[in-house]
Amino acid sequence: MHPLHRQGPVALALILGLFSTSCLYTKRVILVTASRLPRVRAPLQAATRDQLVARITSIYDAIRSLQATVDMAPSVGSVYK
């Protein structure tokens, strides 16, 4: 049998295999969410340095206490060291 007669079906199977998978064609769907829509921005405001410092001070003065929970786990050694 001639070598080209055996290679024909193999080549055809390879080509059909490539077209049947997603190697040559992919479909990508991009959803438009609210984060991709253009945002309406507030107009720029002007302030002096003293006004900015006063605003930051009033925000930080409103904080009276801070409470946090911390979980500690030993990463090297044992619990007793």
N, C-alpha and C. Protein backbone atom coordinates (compact mmCIF):
# COMPACT_ATOMS: atom_id res chain seq x y z
N MET A 1 0.84 -1.17 0.00
CA MET A 1 0.00 0.00 0.00
C MET A 1 0.89 1.23 0.00
N HIS A 2 0.49 2.23 -0.73
CA HIS A 2 1.26 3.47 -0.86
C HIS A 2 1.20 4.26 0.44
N PRO A 3 2.33 4.90 0.89
CA PRO A 3 2.32 5.61 2.17
C PRO A 3 1.33 6.77 2.22
N LEU A 4 1.02 7.40 1.09
CA LEU A 4 0.09 8.53 1.12
C LEU A 4 -1.34 8.07 1.41
N HIS A 5 -1.68 6.85 1.05
CA HIS A 5 -3.02 6.34 1.31
C HIS A 5 -3.26 6.13 2.81
N ARG A 6 -2.20 5.84 3.56
CA ARG A 6 -2.35 5.66 5.00
C ARG A 6 -2.35 6.99 5.74
N GLN A 7 -1.67 8.00 5.21
CA GLN A 7 -1.57 9.28 5.88
C GLN A 7 -2.82 10.13 5.68
N GLY A 8 -3.58 9.88 4.64
CA GLY A 8 -4.79 10.66 4.36
C GLY A 8 -5.82 10.58 5.48
N PRO A 9 -6.23 9.38 5.90
CA PRO A 9 -7.21 9.28 6.99
C PRO A 9 -6.68 9.82 8.32
N VAL A 10 -5.38 9.65 8.55
CA VAL A 10 -4.79 10.17 9.80
C VAL A 10 -4.82 11.69 9.79
N ALA A 11 -4.45 12.30 8.66
CA ALA A 11 -4.48 13.76 8.56
C ALA A 11 -5.90 14.28 8.68
N LEU A 12 -6.84 13.60 8.07
CA LEU A 12 -8.24 14.01 8.16
C LEU A 12 -8.74 13.92 9.60
N ALA A 13 -8.36 12.87 10.31
CA ALA A 13 -8.76 12.72 11.71
C ALA A 13 -8.16 13.84 12.57
N LEU A 14 -6.91 14.20 12.32
CA LEU A 14 -6.27 15.28 13.08
C LEU A 14 -6.95 16.63 12.81
N ILE A 15 -7.25 16.90 11.57
CA ILE A 15 -7.91 18.17 11.22
C ILE A 15 -9.30 18.23 11.83
N LEU A 16 -10.05 17.15 11.76
CA LEU A 16 -11.38 17.13 12.38
C LEU A 16 -11.29 17.24 13.90
N GLY A 17 -10.25 16.65 14.46
CA GLY A 17 -10.04 16.76 15.91
C GLY A 17 -9.77 18.19 16.34
N LEU A 18 -9.00 18.93 15.54
CA LEU A 18 -8.72 20.33 15.86
C LEU A 18 -9.98 21.19 15.76
N PHE A 19 -10.79 20.94 14.76
CA PHE A 19 -12.00 21.74 14.59
C PHE A 19 -13.07 21.40 15.63
N SER A 20 -13.03 20.20 16.17
CA SER A 20 -14.05 19.82 17.15
C SER A 20 -13.73 20.33 18.55
N THR A 21 -12.50 20.69 18.81
CA THR A 21 -12.14 21.22 20.13
C THR A 21 -12.18 22.74 20.08
N SER A 22 -11.91 23.35 21.19
CA SER A 22 -11.95 24.81 21.25
C SER A 22 -10.58 25.43 20.97
N CYS A 23 -9.69 24.69 20.35
CA CYS A 23 -8.36 25.22 20.06
C CYS A 23 -8.39 26.33 19.00
N LEU A 24 -9.28 26.22 18.05
CA LEU A 24 -9.30 27.18 16.96
C LEU A 24 -10.37 28.25 17.13
N TYR A 25 -11.37 28.01 17.95
CA TYR A 25 -12.46 28.96 18.06
C TYR A 25 -12.95 29.00 19.51
N THR A 26 -13.00 30.16 20.08
CA THR A 26 -13.55 30.33 21.41
C THR A 26 -14.56 31.46 21.39
N LYS A 27 -15.57 31.36 22.19
CA LYS A 27 -16.59 32.39 22.28
C LYS A 27 -16.52 32.98 23.68
N ARG A 28 -16.28 34.26 23.75
CA ARG A 28 -16.11 34.92 25.04
C ARG A 28 -17.24 35.93 25.21
N VAL A 29 -17.98 35.79 26.29
CA VAL A 29 -19.10 36.67 26.56
C VAL A 29 -18.66 37.65 27.65
N ILE A 30 -18.77 38.92 27.37
CA ILE A 30 -18.42 39.96 28.33
C ILE A 30 -19.69 40.65 28.78
N LEU A 31 -19.99 40.53 30.05
CA LEU A 31 -21.18 41.16 30.60
C LEU A 31 -20.85 42.57 31.06
N VAL A 32 -21.72 43.50 30.77
CA VAL A 32 -21.52 44.87 31.20
C VAL A 32 -22.17 45.01 32.57
N THR A 33 -21.35 45.26 33.56
CA THR A 33 -21.85 45.42 34.92
C THR A 33 -21.86 46.89 35.29
N ALA A 34 -22.36 47.16 36.46
CA ALA A 34 -22.44 48.55 36.91
C ALA A 34 -21.06 49.17 37.08
N SER A 35 -20.04 48.36 37.37
CA SER A 35 -18.70 48.92 37.56
C SER A 35 -18.08 49.37 36.24
N ARG A 36 -18.56 48.85 35.11
CA ARG A 36 -18.02 49.25 33.81
C ARG A 36 -18.76 50.43 33.19
N LEU A 37 -19.90 50.79 33.75
CA LEU A 37 -20.65 51.91 33.22
C LEU A 37 -19.98 53.21 33.64
N PRO A 38 -20.08 54.25 32.85
CA PRO A 38 -19.47 55.52 33.25
C PRO A 38 -20.15 56.07 34.50
N ARG A 39 -19.36 56.56 35.41
CA ARG A 39 -19.87 57.07 36.68
C ARG A 39 -20.10 58.57 36.59
N VAL A 40 -21.12 59.00 37.27
CA VAL A 40 -21.38 60.43 37.37
C VAL A 40 -20.56 60.93 38.55
N ARG A 41 -19.69 61.84 38.30
CA ARG A 41 -18.79 62.31 39.35
C ARG A 41 -19.26 63.65 39.89
N ALA A 42 -19.03 63.83 41.17
CA ALA A 42 -19.40 65.09 41.81
C ALA A 42 -18.42 66.17 41.35
N PRO A 43 -18.87 67.39 41.32
CA PRO A 43 -17.95 68.46 40.91
C PRO A 43 -16.84 68.64 41.95
N LEU A 44 -15.70 69.08 41.46
CA LEU A 44 -14.56 69.30 42.34
C LEU A 44 -14.85 70.43 43.31
N GLN A 45 -14.32 70.28 44.51
CA GLN A 45 -14.50 71.30 45.53
C GLN A 45 -13.13 71.88 45.89
N ALA A 46 -13.14 73.07 46.37
CA ALA A 46 -11.90 73.73 46.79
C ALA A 46 -11.92 73.91 48.30
N ALA A 47 -10.75 73.76 48.92
CA ALA A 47 -10.63 73.94 50.37
C ALA A 47 -9.21 74.37 50.67
N THR A 48 -9.10 75.11 51.74
CA THR A 48 -7.76 75.52 52.19
C THR A 48 -7.18 74.41 53.06
N ARG A 49 -5.92 74.55 53.39
CA ARG A 49 -5.25 73.55 54.23
C ARG A 49 -5.89 73.50 55.60
N ASP A 50 -6.23 74.64 56.16
CA ASP A 50 -6.84 74.68 57.50
C ASP A 50 -8.21 74.01 57.50
N GLN A 51 -8.98 74.18 56.42
CA GLN A 51 -10.28 73.53 56.34
C GLN A 51 -10.14 72.01 56.26
N LEU A 52 -9.16 71.55 55.51
CA LEU A 52 -8.93 70.11 55.41
C LEU A 52 -8.48 69.52 56.74
N VAL A 53 -7.58 70.21 57.42
CA VAL A 53 -7.11 69.74 58.73
C VAL A 53 -8.27 69.70 59.72
N ALA A 54 -9.13 70.71 59.69
CA ALA A 54 -10.27 70.75 60.60
C ALA A 54 -11.24 69.60 60.32
N ARG A 55 -11.45 69.28 59.06
CA ARG A 55 -12.36 68.19 58.71
C ARG A 55 -11.79 66.84 59.14
N ILE A 56 -10.50 66.62 58.90
CA ILE A 56 -9.86 65.37 59.32
C ILE A 56 -9.87 65.25 60.84
N THR A 57 -9.61 66.33 61.53
CA THR A 57 -9.63 66.32 62.99
C THR A 57 -11.02 65.99 63.52
N SER A 58 -12.05 66.53 62.92
CA SER A 58 -13.41 66.24 63.39
C SER A 58 -13.77 64.77 63.15
N ILE A 59 -13.28 64.19 62.06
CA ILE A 59 -13.55 62.77 61.80
C ILE A 59 -12.84 61.90 62.82
N TYR A 60 -11.56 62.20 63.10
CA TYR A 60 -10.81 61.37 64.04
C TYR A 60 -11.22 61.62 65.48
N ASP A 61 -11.70 62.79 65.83
CA ASP A 61 -12.17 63.04 67.19
C ASP A 61 -13.46 62.28 67.48
N ALA A 62 -14.19 61.89 66.46
CA ALA A 62 -15.43 61.14 66.68
C ALA A 62 -15.15 59.71 67.13
N ILE A 63 -13.95 59.21 66.91
CA ILE A 63 -13.58 57.85 67.32
C ILE A 63 -13.17 57.89 68.78
N ARG A 64 -13.93 57.17 69.61
CA ARG A 64 -13.65 57.17 71.05
C ARG A 64 -12.86 55.93 71.49
N SER A 65 -13.12 54.81 70.87
CA SER A 65 -12.41 53.59 71.25
C SER A 65 -12.26 52.68 70.04
N LEU A 66 -11.36 51.73 70.18
CA LEU A 66 -11.11 50.76 69.12
C LEU A 66 -10.97 49.40 69.76
N GLN A 67 -11.69 48.43 69.26
CA GLN A 67 -11.64 47.08 69.81
C GLN A 67 -11.35 46.11 68.68
N ALA A 68 -10.41 45.19 68.92
CA ALA A 68 -10.04 44.23 67.90
C ALA A 68 -9.88 42.85 68.52
N THR A 69 -10.14 41.81 67.76
CA THR A 69 -9.95 40.44 68.20
C THR A 69 -8.82 39.85 67.37
N VAL A 70 -7.87 39.21 68.05
CA VAL A 70 -6.71 38.66 67.37
C VAL A 70 -6.61 37.18 67.71
N ASP A 71 -6.49 36.35 66.70
CA ASP A 71 -6.24 34.92 66.89
C ASP A 71 -4.78 34.66 66.57
N MET A 72 -4.06 34.10 67.55
CA MET A 72 -2.64 33.83 67.37
C MET A 72 -2.41 32.33 67.27
N ALA A 73 -1.58 31.94 66.32
CA ALA A 73 -1.23 30.53 66.15
C ALA A 73 0.28 30.44 65.97
N PRO A 74 0.92 29.50 66.66
CA PRO A 74 2.38 29.38 66.51
C PRO A 74 2.71 28.82 65.12
N SER A 75 3.68 29.43 64.49
CA SER A 75 4.09 28.96 63.18
C SER A 75 5.39 28.16 63.24
N VAL A 76 6.20 28.39 64.25
CA VAL A 76 7.46 27.65 64.43
C VAL A 76 7.54 27.23 65.88
N GLY A 77 7.94 26.03 66.13
CA GLY A 77 8.08 25.56 67.50
C GLY A 77 6.78 25.00 68.04
N SER A 78 6.59 25.13 69.34
CA SER A 78 5.40 24.58 69.97
C SER A 78 4.61 25.69 70.66
N VAL A 79 3.49 25.31 71.23
CA VAL A 79 2.64 26.27 71.91
C VAL A 79 3.31 26.80 73.17
N TYR A 80 4.18 26.01 73.79
CA TYR A 80 4.79 26.36 75.09
C TYR A 80 6.01 27.25 74.97
N LYS A 81 6.50 27.51 73.75
CA LYS A 81 7.69 28.36 73.61
C LYS A 81 7.31 29.73 73.14
